[in-house]
Amino acid sequence: IWIEPKNQWPTGHLELFELTAAHEGIDNIGAYWVPDTTKPLP
């Protein structure tokens, strides 16, 4: 799965979330863009 932004996203950073998991039936990985929320989002 590949994501390509098509407009100007809020300033921020890319994050990878890796969790423990008991078995393969549980999603334990996440990837997403995190906007800077020190200022209110419009």
Full PDB file with SEQRES, HELIX, SHEET, SSBOND, CRYST1, ORIGX, SCALE, CONECT and MASTER records, all heavy atoms in Angstrom:
SEQRES   1 A   42  ILE TRP ILE GLU PRO LYS ASN GLN TRP PRO THR GLY HIS          
SEQRES   2 A   42  LEU GLU LEU PHE GLU LEU THR ALA ALA HIS GLU GLY ILE          
SEQRES   3 A   42  ASP ASN ILE GLY ALA TYR TRP VAL PRO ASP THR THR LYS          
SEQRES   4 A   42  PRO LEU PRO                                                  
SHEET    1 AA1 2 GLY A  12  GLU A  18  0                                        
SHEET    2 AA1 2 ILE A  29  PRO A  35 -1                                        
CRYST1    1.000    1.000    1.000  90.00  90.00  90.00 P 1           1          
ORIGX1      1.000000  0.000000  0.000000        0.00000                         
ORIGX2      0.000000  1.000000  0.000000        0.00000                         
ORIGX3      0.000000  0.000000  1.000000        0.00000                         
SCALE1      1.000000  0.000000  0.000000        0.00000                         
SCALE2      0.000000  1.000000  0.000000        0.00000                         
SCALE3      0.000000  0.000000  1.000000        0.00000                         
ATOM      1  N   ILE A   1       0.854  -1.193   0.000  1.00  0.00           N  
ATOM      2  CA  ILE A   1       0.000   0.000   0.000  1.00  0.00           C  
ATOM      3  C   ILE A   1       0.886   1.237   0.000  1.00  0.00           C  
ATOM      4  O   ILE A   1       1.763   1.380   0.852  1.00  0.00           O  
ATOM      5  CB  ILE A   1      -0.944   0.020   1.220  1.00  0.00           C  
ATOM      6  CG1 ILE A   1      -1.843  -1.229   1.226  1.00  0.00           C  
ATOM      7  CG2 ILE A   1      -1.794   1.285   1.219  1.00  0.00           C  
ATOM      8  CD1 ILE A   1      -2.785  -1.296   2.420  1.00  0.00           C  
ATOM      9  N   TRP A   2       0.642   2.147  -0.950  1.00  0.00           N  
ATOM     10  CA  TRP A   2       1.446   3.357  -1.106  1.00  0.00           C  
ATOM     11  C   TRP A   2       0.543   4.580  -1.080  1.00  0.00           C  
ATOM     12  O   TRP A   2      -0.487   4.608  -1.752  1.00  0.00           O  
ATOM     13  CB  TRP A   2       2.217   3.300  -2.422  1.00  0.00           C  
ATOM     14  CG  TRP A   2       3.122   4.462  -2.681  1.00  0.00           C  
ATOM     15  CD1 TRP A   2       2.978   5.432  -3.639  1.00  0.00           C  
ATOM     16  CD2 TRP A   2       4.327   4.778  -1.986  1.00  0.00           C  
ATOM     17  NE1 TRP A   2       4.022   6.324  -3.578  1.00  0.00           N  
ATOM     18  CE2 TRP A   2       4.871   5.954  -2.574  1.00  0.00           C  
ATOM     19  CE3 TRP A   2       5.013   4.186  -0.920  1.00  0.00           C  
ATOM     20  CZ2 TRP A   2       6.049   6.539  -2.127  1.00  0.00           C  
ATOM     21  CZ3 TRP A   2       6.189   4.770  -0.478  1.00  0.00           C  
ATOM     22  CH2 TRP A   2       6.694   5.928  -1.083  1.00  0.00           C  
ATOM     23  N   ILE A   3       0.919   5.583  -0.283  1.00  0.00           N  
ATOM     24  CA  ILE A   3       0.149   6.818  -0.101  1.00  0.00           C  
ATOM     25  C   ILE A   3       0.904   7.978  -0.740  1.00  0.00           C  
ATOM     26  O   ILE A   3       2.085   8.189  -0.467  1.00  0.00           O  
ATOM     27  CB  ILE A   3      -0.055   7.138   1.398  1.00  0.00           C  
ATOM     28  CG1 ILE A   3      -0.685   5.956   2.134  1.00  0.00           C  
ATOM     29  CG2 ILE A   3      -0.872   8.418   1.561  1.00  0.00           C  
ATOM     30  CD1 ILE A   3      -2.129   5.724   1.853  1.00  0.00           C  
ATOM     31  N   GLU A   4       0.208   8.766  -1.594  1.00  0.00           N  
ATOM     32  CA  GLU A   4       0.793   9.967  -2.194  1.00  0.00           C  
ATOM     33  C   GLU A   4      -0.087  11.169  -1.864  1.00  0.00           C  
ATOM     34  O   GLU A   4      -1.237  11.227  -2.309  1.00  0.00           O  
ATOM     35  CB  GLU A   4       0.876   9.830  -3.711  1.00  0.00           C  
ATOM     36  CG  GLU A   4       1.782   8.740  -4.217  1.00  0.00           C  
ATOM     37  CD  GLU A   4       1.681   8.627  -5.731  1.00  0.00           C  
ATOM     38  OE1 GLU A   4       2.390   9.385  -6.428  1.00  0.00           O  
ATOM     39  OE2 GLU A   4       0.878   7.790  -6.200  1.00  0.00           O  
ATOM     40  N   PRO A   5       0.406  12.123  -1.065  1.00  0.00           N  
ATOM     41  CA  PRO A   5      -0.389  13.334  -0.795  1.00  0.00           C  
ATOM     42  C   PRO A   5      -0.707  14.078  -2.086  1.00  0.00           C  
ATOM     43  O   PRO A   5       0.134  14.198  -2.975  1.00  0.00           O  
ATOM     44  CB  PRO A   5       0.531  14.159   0.103  1.00  0.00           C  
ATOM     45  CG  PRO A   5       1.466  13.170   0.723  1.00  0.00           C  
ATOM     46  CD  PRO A   5       1.678  12.119  -0.326  1.00  0.00           C  
ATOM     47  N   LYS A   6      -1.934  14.601  -2.178  1.00  0.00           N  
ATOM     48  CA  LYS A   6      -2.368  15.335  -3.365  1.00  0.00           C  
ATOM     49  C   LYS A   6      -2.676  16.793  -3.071  1.00  0.00           C  
ATOM     50  O   LYS A   6      -3.063  17.534  -3.975  1.00  0.00           O  
ATOM     51  CB  LYS A   6      -3.599  14.648  -3.980  1.00  0.00           C  
ATOM     52  CG  LYS A   6      -3.293  13.293  -4.595  1.00  0.00           C  
ATOM     53  CD  LYS A   6      -2.275  13.388  -5.712  1.00  0.00           C  
ATOM     54  CE  LYS A   6      -1.987  12.048  -6.346  1.00  0.00           C  
ATOM     55  NZ  LYS A   6      -0.924  12.141  -7.373  1.00  0.00           N  
ATOM     56  N   ASN A   7      -2.527  17.188  -1.804  1.00  0.00           N  
ATOM     57  CA  ASN A   7      -2.617  18.603  -1.463  1.00  0.00           C  
ATOM     58  C   ASN A   7      -1.587  18.880  -0.370  1.00  0.00           C  
ATOM     59  O   ASN A   7      -0.844  17.975   0.047  1.00  0.00           O  
ATOM     60  CB  ASN A   7      -4.033  19.000  -1.029  1.00  0.00           C  
ATOM     61  CG  ASN A   7      -4.393  18.451   0.337  1.00  0.00           C  
ATOM     62  OD1 ASN A   7      -3.938  17.383   0.748  1.00  0.00           O  
ATOM     63  ND2 ASN A   7      -5.238  19.165   1.067  1.00  0.00           N  
ATOM     64  N   GLN A   8      -1.512  20.111   0.098  1.00  0.00           N  
ATOM     65  CA  GLN A   8      -0.536  20.475   1.113  1.00  0.00           C  
ATOM     66  C   GLN A   8      -1.026  20.022   2.482  1.00  0.00           C  
ATOM     67  O   GLN A   8      -1.956  20.588   3.048  1.00  0.00           O  
ATOM     68  CB  GLN A   8      -0.315  21.999   1.117  1.00  0.00           C  
ATOM     69  CG  GLN A   8       0.801  22.470   2.033  1.00  0.00           C  
ATOM     70  CD  GLN A   8       2.176  22.076   1.529  1.00  0.00           C  
ATOM     71  OE1 GLN A   8       2.450  22.168   0.347  1.00  0.00           O  
ATOM     72  NE2 GLN A   8       3.033  21.629   2.439  1.00  0.00           N  
ATOM     73  N   TRP A   9      -0.410  18.987   3.034  1.00  0.00           N  
ATOM     74  CA  TRP A   9      -0.784  18.512   4.354  1.00  0.00           C  
ATOM     75  C   TRP A   9      -0.222  19.442   5.426  1.00  0.00           C  
ATOM     76  O   TRP A   9       0.781  20.129   5.213  1.00  0.00           O  
ATOM     77  CB  TRP A   9      -0.247  17.104   4.573  1.00  0.00           C  
ATOM     78  CG  TRP A   9      -0.978  16.047   3.804  1.00  0.00           C  
ATOM     79  CD1 TRP A   9      -1.970  16.237   2.885  1.00  0.00           C  
ATOM     80  CD2 TRP A   9      -0.780  14.641   3.886  1.00  0.00           C  
ATOM     81  NE1 TRP A   9      -2.391  15.034   2.389  1.00  0.00           N  
ATOM     82  CE2 TRP A   9      -1.678  14.032   2.991  1.00  0.00           C  
ATOM     83  CE3 TRP A   9       0.074  13.828   4.622  1.00  0.00           C  
ATOM     84  CZ2 TRP A   9      -1.752  12.664   2.810  1.00  0.00           C  
ATOM     85  CZ3 TRP A   9       0.009  12.453   4.455  1.00  0.00           C  
ATOM     86  CH2 TRP A   9      -0.897  11.878   3.562  1.00  0.00           C  
ATOM     87  N   PRO A  10      -0.829  19.462   6.622  1.00  0.00           N  
ATOM     88  CA  PRO A  10      -0.288  20.284   7.705  1.00  0.00           C  
ATOM     89  C   PRO A  10       1.143  19.872   8.051  1.00  0.00           C  
ATOM     90  O   PRO A  10       1.508  18.694   7.950  1.00  0.00           O  
ATOM     91  CB  PRO A  10      -1.240  19.997   8.875  1.00  0.00           C  
ATOM     92  CG  PRO A  10      -2.485  19.478   8.255  1.00  0.00           C  
ATOM     93  CD  PRO A  10      -2.070  18.759   7.020  1.00  0.00           C  
ATOM     94  N   THR A  11       1.938  20.838   8.463  1.00  0.00           N  
ATOM     95  CA  THR A  11       3.306  20.553   8.893  1.00  0.00           C  
ATOM     96  C   THR A  11       3.290  19.532  10.023  1.00  0.00           C  
ATOM     97  O   THR A  11       2.456  19.597  10.932  1.00  0.00           O  
ATOM     98  CB  THR A  11       3.992  21.838   9.371  1.00  0.00           C  
ATOM     99  OG1 THR A  11       3.983  22.785   8.314  1.00  0.00           O  
ATOM    100  CG2 THR A  11       5.419  21.572   9.802  1.00  0.00           C  
ATOM    101  N   GLY A  12       4.212  18.566   9.983  1.00  0.00           N  
ATOM    102  CA  GLY A  12       4.243  17.541  11.006  1.00  0.00           C  
ATOM    103  C   GLY A  12       5.346  16.536  10.753  1.00  0.00           C  
ATOM    104  O   GLY A  12       6.421  16.888  10.258  1.00  0.00           O  
ATOM    105  N   HIS A  13       5.064  15.277  11.047  1.00  0.00           N  
ATOM    106  CA  HIS A  13       6.072  14.236  10.852  1.00  0.00           C  
ATOM    107  C   HIS A  13       5.385  12.897  10.584  1.00  0.00           C  
ATOM    108  O   HIS A  13       4.210  12.697  10.905  1.00  0.00           O  
ATOM    109  CB  HIS A  13       6.991  14.127  12.063  1.00  0.00           C  
ATOM    110  CG  HIS A  13       6.290  13.695  13.322  1.00  0.00           C  
ATOM    111  ND1 HIS A  13       5.702  14.589  14.194  1.00  0.00           N  
ATOM    112  CD2 HIS A  13       6.058  12.459  13.858  1.00  0.00           C  
ATOM    113  CE1 HIS A  13       5.157  13.940  15.203  1.00  0.00           C  
ATOM    114  NE2 HIS A  13       5.355  12.638  15.020  1.00  0.00           N  
ATOM    115  N   LEU A  14       6.154  11.989   9.997  1.00  0.00           N  
ATOM    116  CA  LEU A  14       5.683  10.632   9.728  1.00  0.00           C  
ATOM    117  C   LEU A  14       6.040   9.753  10.917  1.00  0.00           C  
ATOM    118  O   LEU A  14       7.113   9.886  11.499  1.00  0.00           O  
ATOM    119  CB  LEU A  14       6.332  10.088   8.456  1.00  0.00           C  
ATOM    120  CG  LEU A  14       5.849   8.721   7.972  1.00  0.00           C  
ATOM    121  CD1 LEU A  14       4.393   8.792   7.535  1.00  0.00           C  
ATOM    122  CD2 LEU A  14       6.715   8.227   6.819  1.00  0.00           C  
ATOM    123  N   GLU A  15       5.120   8.850  11.251  1.00  0.00           N  
ATOM    124  CA  GLU A  15       5.309   8.032  12.447  1.00  0.00           C  
ATOM    125  C   GLU A  15       5.076   6.561  12.120  1.00  0.00           C  
ATOM    126  O   GLU A  15       4.206   6.217  11.314  1.00  0.00           O  
ATOM    127  CB  GLU A  15       4.331   8.481  13.538  1.00  0.00           C  
ATOM    128  CG  GLU A  15       4.833   8.293  14.945  1.00  0.00           C  
ATOM    129  CD  GLU A  15       4.012   9.115  15.921  1.00  0.00           C  
ATOM    130  OE1 GLU A  15       2.895   8.683  16.262  1.00  0.00           O  
ATOM    131  OE2 GLU A  15       4.496  10.189  16.352  1.00  0.00           O  
ATOM    132  N   LEU A  16       5.849   5.698  12.790  1.00  0.00           N  
ATOM    133  CA  LEU A  16       5.675   4.253  12.703  1.00  0.00           C  
ATOM    134  C   LEU A  16       5.372   3.734  14.106  1.00  0.00           C  
ATOM    135  O   LEU A  16       6.120   3.989  15.050  1.00  0.00           O  
ATOM    136  CB  LEU A  16       6.931   3.579  12.149  1.00  0.00           C  
ATOM    137  CG  LEU A  16       6.899   2.048  12.076  1.00  0.00           C  
ATOM    138  CD1 LEU A  16       5.836   1.560  11.088  1.00  0.00           C  
ATOM    139  CD2 LEU A  16       8.275   1.496  11.689  1.00  0.00           C  
ATOM    140  N   PHE A  17       4.269   3.008  14.221  1.00  0.00           N  
ATOM    141  CA  PHE A  17       3.796   2.481  15.499  1.00  0.00           C  
ATOM    142  C   PHE A  17       3.933   0.965  15.445  1.00  0.00           C  
ATOM    143  O   PHE A  17       3.319   0.313  14.601  1.00  0.00           O  
ATOM    144  CB  PHE A  17       2.336   2.907  15.688  1.00  0.00           C  
ATOM    145  CG  PHE A  17       1.813   2.795  17.089  1.00  0.00           C  
ATOM    146  CD1 PHE A  17       2.645   2.645  18.177  1.00  0.00           C  
ATOM    147  CD2 PHE A  17       0.441   2.860  17.323  1.00  0.00           C  
ATOM    148  CE1 PHE A  17       2.144   2.560  19.466  1.00  0.00           C  
ATOM    149  CE2 PHE A  17      -0.082   2.781  18.608  1.00  0.00           C  
ATOM    150  CZ  PHE A  17       0.780   2.629  19.679  1.00  0.00           C  
ATOM    151  N   GLU A  18       4.748   0.374  16.343  1.00  0.00           N  
ATOM    152  CA  GLU A  18       4.967  -1.066  16.382  1.00  0.00           C  
ATOM    153  C   GLU A  18       4.577  -1.579  17.763  1.00  0.00           C  
ATOM    154  O   GLU A  18       5.145  -1.175  18.775  1.00  0.00           O  
ATOM    155  CB  GLU A  18       6.430  -1.393  16.079  1.00  0.00           C  
ATOM    156  CG  GLU A  18       6.849  -0.997  14.665  1.00  0.00           C  
ATOM    157  CD  GLU A  18       8.352  -1.081  14.442  1.00  0.00           C  
ATOM    158  OE1 GLU A  18       9.099  -0.429  15.199  1.00  0.00           O  
ATOM    159  OE2 GLU A  18       8.779  -1.781  13.505  1.00  0.00           O  
ATOM    160  N   LEU A  19       3.608  -2.488  17.796  1.00  0.00           N  
ATOM    161  CA  LEU A  19       3.064  -2.994  19.049  1.00  0.00           C  
ATOM    162  C   LEU A  19       3.439  -4.446  19.262  1.00  0.00           C  
ATOM    163  O   LEU A  19       3.762  -5.181  18.311  1.00  0.00           O  
ATOM    164  CB  LEU A  19       1.531  -2.886  19.045  1.00  0.00           C  
ATOM    165  CG  LEU A  19       0.923  -1.485  19.051  1.00  0.00           C  
ATOM    166  CD1 LEU A  19      -0.572  -1.574  18.769  1.00  0.00           C  
ATOM    167  CD2 LEU A  19       1.177  -0.796  20.373  1.00  0.00           C  
ATOM    168  N   THR A  20       3.376  -4.872  20.512  1.00  0.00           N  
ATOM    169  CA  THR A  20       3.437  -6.298  20.788  1.00  0.00           C  
ATOM    170  C   THR A  20       2.144  -6.938  20.280  1.00  0.00           C  
ATOM    171  O   THR A  20       1.149  -6.256  20.047  1.00  0.00           O  
ATOM    172  CB  THR A  20       3.572  -6.544  22.298  1.00  0.00           C  
ATOM    173  OG1 THR A  20       2.445  -5.946  22.953  1.00  0.00           O  
ATOM    174  CG2 THR A  20       4.845  -5.903  22.847  1.00  0.00           C  
ATOM    175  N   ALA A  21       2.140  -8.237  20.103  1.00  0.00           N  
ATOM    176  CA  ALA A  21       0.939  -8.933  19.629  1.00  0.00           C  
ATOM    177  C   ALA A  21       1.000 -10.391  20.056  1.00  0.00           C  
ATOM    178  O   ALA A  21       2.075 -11.000  20.057  1.00  0.00           O  
ATOM    179  CB  ALA A  21       0.809  -8.829  18.112  1.00  0.00           C  
ATOM    180  N   ALA A  22      -0.159 -10.927  20.401  1.00  0.00           N  
ATOM    181  CA  ALA A  22      -0.225 -12.305  20.875  1.00  0.00           C  
ATOM    182  C   ALA A  22      -0.221 -13.316  19.733  1.00  0.00           C  
ATOM    183  O   ALA A  22       0.218 -14.441  19.900  1.00  0.00           O  
ATOM    184  CB  ALA A  22      -1.467 -12.501  21.737  1.00  0.00           C  
ATOM    185  N   HIS A  23      -0.714 -12.896  18.557  1.00  0.00           N  
ATOM    186  CA  HIS A  23      -0.797 -13.828  17.441  1.00  0.00           C  
ATOM    187  C   HIS A  23      -0.993 -13.045  16.149  1.00  0.00           C  
ATOM    188  O   HIS A  23      -1.199 -11.827  16.152  1.00  0.00           O  
ATOM    189  CB  HIS A  23      -1.929 -14.841  17.640  1.00  0.00           C  
ATOM    190  CG  HIS A  23      -3.272 -14.221  17.849  1.00  0.00           C  
ATOM    191  ND1 HIS A  23      -4.044 -13.750  16.806  1.00  0.00           N  
ATOM    192  CD2 HIS A  23      -3.985 -13.969  18.968  1.00  0.00           C  
ATOM    193  CE1 HIS A  23      -5.174 -13.255  17.270  1.00  0.00           C  
ATOM    194  NE2 HIS A  23      -5.165 -13.369  18.584  1.00  0.00           N  
ATOM    195  N   GLU A  24      -0.952 -13.744  15.037  1.00  0.00           N  
ATOM    196  CA  GLU A  24      -0.972 -13.101  13.729  1.00  0.00           C  
ATOM    197  C   GLU A  24      -2.340 -12.566  13.328  1.00  0.00           C  
ATOM    198  O   GLU A  24      -2.468 -11.903  12.294  1.00  0.00           O  
ATOM    199  CB  GLU A  24      -0.480 -14.076  12.664  1.00  0.00           C  
ATOM    200  CG  GLU A  24      -1.370 -15.297  12.479  1.00  0.00           C  
ATOM    201  CD  GLU A  24      -0.652 -16.425  11.771  1.00  0.00           C  
ATOM    202  OE1 GLU A  24       0.022 -17.216  12.465  1.00  0.00           O  
ATOM    203  OE2 GLU A  24      -0.765 -16.515  10.530  1.00  0.00           O  
ATOM    204  N   GLY A  25      -3.357 -12.805  14.109  1.00  0.00           N  
ATOM    205  CA  GLY A  25      -4.682 -12.274  13.812  1.00  0.00           C  
ATOM    206  C   GLY A  25      -4.889 -10.861  14.311  1.00  0.00           C  
ATOM    207  O   GLY A  25      -5.972 -10.313  14.150  1.00  0.00           O  
ATOM    208  N   ILE A  26      -3.864 -10.267  14.913  1.00  0.00           N  
ATOM    209  CA  ILE A  26      -3.973  -8.929  15.485  1.00  0.00           C  
ATOM    210  C   ILE A  26      -3.091  -7.962  14.704  1.00  0.00           C  
ATOM    211  O   ILE A  26      -1.895  -8.213  14.514  1.00  0.00           O  
ATOM    212  CB  ILE A  26      -3.548  -8.928  16.966  1.00  0.00           C  
ATOM    213  CG1 ILE A  26      -4.484  -9.810  17.786  1.00  0.00           C  
ATOM    214  CG2 ILE A  26      -3.516  -7.500  17.520  1.00  0.00           C  
ATOM    215  CD1 ILE A  26      -4.079  -9.936  19.238  1.00  0.00           C  
ATOM    216  N   ASP A  27      -3.664  -6.845  14.239  1.00  0.00           N  
ATOM    217  CA  ASP A  27      -2.853  -5.797  13.627  1.00  0.00           C  
ATOM    218  C   ASP A  27      -2.005  -5.123  14.704  1.00  0.00           C  
ATOM    219  O   ASP A  27      -2.533  -4.674  15.723  1.00  0.00           O  
ATOM    220  CB  ASP A  27      -3.740  -4.750  12.950  1.00  0.00           C  
ATOM    221  CG  ASP A  27      -4.289  -5.232  11.614  1.00  0.00           C  
ATOM    222  OD1 ASP A  27      -3.747  -6.218  11.082  1.00  0.00           O  
ATOM    223  OD2 ASP A  27      -5.262  -4.629  11.112  1.00  0.00           O  
ATOM    224  N   ASN A  28      -0.706  -5.051  14.486  1.00  0.00           N  
ATOM    225  CA  ASN A  28       0.186  -4.457  15.483  1.00  0.00           C  
ATOM    226  C   ASN A  28       1.138  -3.424  14.889  1.00  0.00           C  
ATOM    227  O   ASN A  28       2.080  -2.995  15.556  1.00  0.00           O  
ATOM    228  CB  ASN A  28       0.996  -5.548  16.193  1.00  0.00           C  
ATOM    229  CG  ASN A  28       1.935  -6.294  15.254  1.00  0.00           C  
ATOM    230  OD1 ASN A  28       1.610  -6.537  14.100  1.00  0.00           O  
ATOM    231  ND2 ASN A  28       3.108  -6.647  15.736  1.00  0.00           N  
ATOM    232  N   ILE A  29       0.873  -3.013  13.641  1.00  0.00           N  
ATOM    233  CA  ILE A  29       1.726  -2.039  12.956  1.00  0.00           C  
ATOM    234  C   ILE A  29       0.861  -0.901  12.428  1.00  0.00           C  
ATOM    235  O   ILE A  29      -0.224  -1.136  11.895  1.00  0.00           O  
ATOM    236  CB  ILE A  29       2.478  -2.694  11.772  1.00  0.00           C  
ATOM    237  CG1 ILE A  29       3.313  -3.889  12.246  1.00  0.00           C  
ATOM    238  CG2 ILE A  29       3.335  -1.673  11.047  1.00  0.00           C  
ATOM    239  CD1 ILE A  29       4.453  -3.535  13.167  1.00  0.00           C  
ATOM    240  N   GLY A  30       1.346   0.319  12.587  1.00  0.00           N  
ATOM    241  CA  GLY A  30       0.651   1.472  12.033  1.00  0.00           C  
ATOM    242  C   GLY A  30       1.636   2.477  11.467  1.00  0.00           C  
ATOM    243  O   GLY A  30       2.735   2.663  11.998  1.00  0.00           O  
ATOM    244  N   ALA A  31       1.270   3.122  10.365  1.00  0.00           N  
ATOM    245  CA  ALA A  31       2.072   4.196   9.768  1.00  0.00           C  
ATOM    246  C   ALA A  31       1.116   5.308   9.364  1.00  0.00           C  
ATOM    247  O   ALA A  31       0.081   5.039   8.749  1.00  0.00           O  
ATOM    248  CB  ALA A  31       2.864   3.692   8.565  1.00  0.00           C  
ATOM    249  N   TYR A  32       1.483   6.579   9.674  1.00  0.00           N  
ATOM    250  CA  TYR A  32       0.556   7.686   9.453  1.00  0.00           C  
ATOM    251  C   TYR A  32       1.317   9.001   9.584  1.00  0.00           C  
ATOM    252  O   TYR A  32       2.430   9.068  10.138  1.00  0.00           O  
ATOM    253  CB  TYR A  32      -0.582   7.634  10.480  1.00  0.00           C  
ATOM    254  CG  TYR A  32      -0.091   7.309  11.875  1.00  0.00           C  
ATOM    255  CD1 TYR A  32       0.362   8.317  12.732  1.00  0.00           C  
ATOM    256  CD2 TYR A  32      -0.029   5.988  12.318  1.00  0.00           C  
ATOM    257  CE1 TYR A  32       0.848   8.029  13.985  1.00  0.00           C  
ATOM    258  CE2 TYR A  32       0.465   5.684  13.576  1.00  0.00           C  
ATOM    259  CZ  TYR A  32       0.905   6.695  14.407  1.00  0.00           C  
ATOM    260  OH  TYR A  32       1.407   6.386  15.649  1.00  0.00           O  
ATOM    261  N   TRP A  33       0.717  10.079   9.098  1.00  0.00           N  
ATOM    262  CA  TRP A  33       1.272  11.425   9.193  1.00  0.00           C  
ATOM    263  C   TRP A  33       0.637  12.141  10.383  1.00  0.00           C  
ATOM    264  O   TRP A  33      -0.583  12.140  10.535  1.00  0.00           O  
ATOM    265  CB  TRP A  33       1.019  12.209   7.909  1.00  0.00           C  
ATOM    266  CG  TRP A  33       1.592  13.596   7.930  1.00  0.00           C  
ATOM    267  CD1 TRP A  33       0.919  14.768   8.159  1.00  0.00           C  
ATOM    268  CD2 TRP A  33       2.956  13.955   7.720  1.00  0.00           C  
ATOM    269  NE1 TRP A  33       1.789  15.839   8.101  1.00  0.00           N  
ATOM    270  CE2 TRP A  33       3.054  15.368   7.834  1.00  0.00           C  
ATOM    271  CE3 TRP A  33       4.115  13.222   7.450  1.00  0.00           C  
ATOM    272  CZ2 TRP A  33       4.257  16.051   7.678  1.00  0.00           C  
ATOM    273  CZ3 TRP A  33       5.318  13.906   7.300  1.00  0.00           C  
ATOM    274  CH2 TRP A  33       5.374  15.308   7.416  1.00  0.00           C  
ATOM    275  N   VAL A  34       1.475  12.736  11.242  1.00  0.00           N  
ATOM    276  CA  VAL A  34       1.006  13.415  12.450  1.00  0.00           C  
ATOM    277  C   VAL A  34       1.214  14.917  12.295  1.00  0.00           C  
ATOM    278  O   VAL A  34       2.351  15.396  12.285  1.00  0.00           O  
ATOM    279  CB  VAL A  34       1.763  12.917  13.699  1.00  0.00           C  
ATOM    280  CG1 VAL A  34       1.262  13.641  14.950  1.00  0.00           C  
ATOM    281  CG2 VAL A  34       1.610  11.414  13.857  1.00  0.00           C  
ATOM    282  N   PRO A  35       0.142  15.707  12.169  1.00  0.00           N  
ATOM    283  CA  PRO A  35       0.281  17.163  12.087  1.00  0.00           C  
ATOM    284  C   PRO A  35       0.749  17.749  13.425  1.00  0.00           C  
ATOM    285  O   PRO A  35       0.471  17.196  14.493  1.00  0.00           O  
ATOM    286  CB  PRO A  35      -1.132  17.652  11.744  1.00  0.00           C  
ATOM    287  CG  PRO A  35      -1.869  16.445  11.287  1.00  0.00           C  
ATOM    288  CD  PRO A  35      -1.252  15.284  11.986  1.00  0.00           C  
ATOM    289  N   ASP A  36       1.416  18.868  13.342  1.00  0.00           N  
ATOM    290  CA  ASP A  36       1.791  19.622  14.531  1.00  0.00           C  
ATOM    291  C   ASP A  36       0.527  20.234  15.134  1.00  0.00           C  
ATOM    292  O   ASP A  36      -0.159  21.028  14.487  1.00  0.00           O  
ATOM    293  CB  ASP A  36       2.788  20.717  14.143  1.00  0.00           C  
ATOM    294  CG  ASP A  36       3.198  21.585  15.321  1.00  0.00           C  
ATOM    295  OD1 ASP A  36       2.830  21.252  16.465  1.00  0.00           O  
ATOM    296  OD2 ASP A  36       3.883  22.598  15.094  1.00  0.00           O  
ATOM    297  N   THR A  37       0.220  19.840  16.371  1.00  0.00           N  
ATOM    298  CA  THR A  37      -1.009  20.346  17.011  1.00  0.00           C  
ATOM    299  C   THR A  37      -0.702  21.363  18.112  1.00  0.00           C  
ATOM    300  O   THR A  37      -1.546  21.619  18.974  1.00  0.00           O  
ATOM    301  CB  THR A  37      -1.834  19.183  17.587  1.00  0.00           C  
ATOM    302  OG1 THR A  37      -1.001  18.385  18.451  1.00  0.00           O  
ATOM    303  CG2 THR A  37      -2.396  18.308  16.487  1.00  0.00           C  
ATOM    304  N   THR A  38       0.513  21.916  18.099  1.00  0.00           N  
ATOM    305  CA  THR A  38       0.788  22.984  19.069  1.00  0.00           C  
ATOM    306  C   THR A  38      -0.016  24.233  18.738  1.00  0.00           C  
ATOM    307  O   THR A  38      -0.245  25.071  19.602  1.00  0.00           O  
ATOM    308  CB  THR A  38       2.288  23.333  19.083  1.00  0.00           C  
ATOM    309  OG1 THR A  38       2.705  23.701  17.750  1.00  0.00           O  
ATOM    310  CG2 THR A  38       3.113  22.142  19.548  1.00  0.00           C  
ATOM    311  N   LYS A  39      -0.440  24.345  17.481  1.00  0.00           N  
ATOM    312  CA  LYS A  39      -1.362  25.398  17.074  1.00  0.00           C  
ATOM    313  C   LYS A  39      -2.664  24.744  16.636  1.00  0.00           C  
ATOM    314  O   LYS A  39      -2.649  23.636  16.085  1.00  0.00           O  
ATOM    315  CB  LYS A  39      -0.774  26.219  15.923  1.00  0.00           C  
ATOM    316  CG  LYS A  39       0.496  26.977  16.295  1.00  0.00           C  
ATOM    317  CD  LYS A  39       1.007  27.771  15.100  1.00  0.00           C  
ATOM    318  CE  LYS A  39       2.275  28.527  15.462  1.00  0.00           C  
ATOM    319  NZ  LYS A  39       2.808  29.309  14.300  1.00  0.00           N  
ATOM    320  N   PRO A  40      -3.806  25.380  16.863  1.00  0.00           N  
ATOM    321  CA  PRO A  40      -5.089  24.767  16.499  1.00  0.00           C  
ATOM    322  C   PRO A  40      -5.157  24.440  15.000  1.00  0.00           C  
ATOM    323  O   PRO A  40      -4.747  25.241  14.161  1.00  0.00           O  
ATOM    324  CB  PRO A  40      -6.118  25.841  16.881  1.00  0.00           C  
ATOM    325  CG  PRO A  40      -5.435  26.673  17.911  1.00  0.00           C  
ATOM    326  CD  PRO A  40      -3.982  26.690  17.529  1.00  0.00           C  
ATOM    327  N   LEU A  41      -5.677  23.271  14.706  1.00  0.00           N  
ATOM    328  CA  LEU A  41      -5.911  22.917  13.312  1.00  0.00           C  
ATOM    329  C   LEU A  41      -7.114  23.686  12.795  1.00  0.00           C  
ATOM    330  O   LEU A  41      -8.092  23.896  13.533  1.00  0.00           O  
ATOM    331  CB  LEU A  41      -6.157  21.408  13.192  1.00  0.00           C  
ATOM    332  CG  LEU A  41      -4.967  20.515  13.543  1.00  0.00           C  
ATOM    333  CD1 LEU A  41      -5.393  19.064  13.641  1.00  0.00           C  
ATOM    334  CD2 LEU A  41      -3.852  20.675  12.519  1.00  0.00           C  
ATOM    335  N   PRO A  42      -7.095  24.117  11.543  1.00  0.00           N  
ATOM    336  CA  PRO A  42      -8.194  24.944  11.029  1.00  0.00           C  
ATOM    337  C   PRO A  42      -9.457  24.132  10.798  1.00  0.00           C  
ATOM    338  O   PRO A  42      -9.404  22.938  10.488  1.00  0.00           O  
ATOM    339  CB  PRO A  42      -7.632  25.473   9.709  1.00  0.00           C  
ATOM    340  CG  PRO A  42      -6.659  24.423   9.271  1.00  0.00           C  
ATOM    341  CD  PRO A  42      -6.036  23.903  10.536  1.00  0.00           C  
TER     342      PRO A  42                                                      
MASTER        0    0    0    0    2    0    0    6  341    1    0    4          
END                                                                             
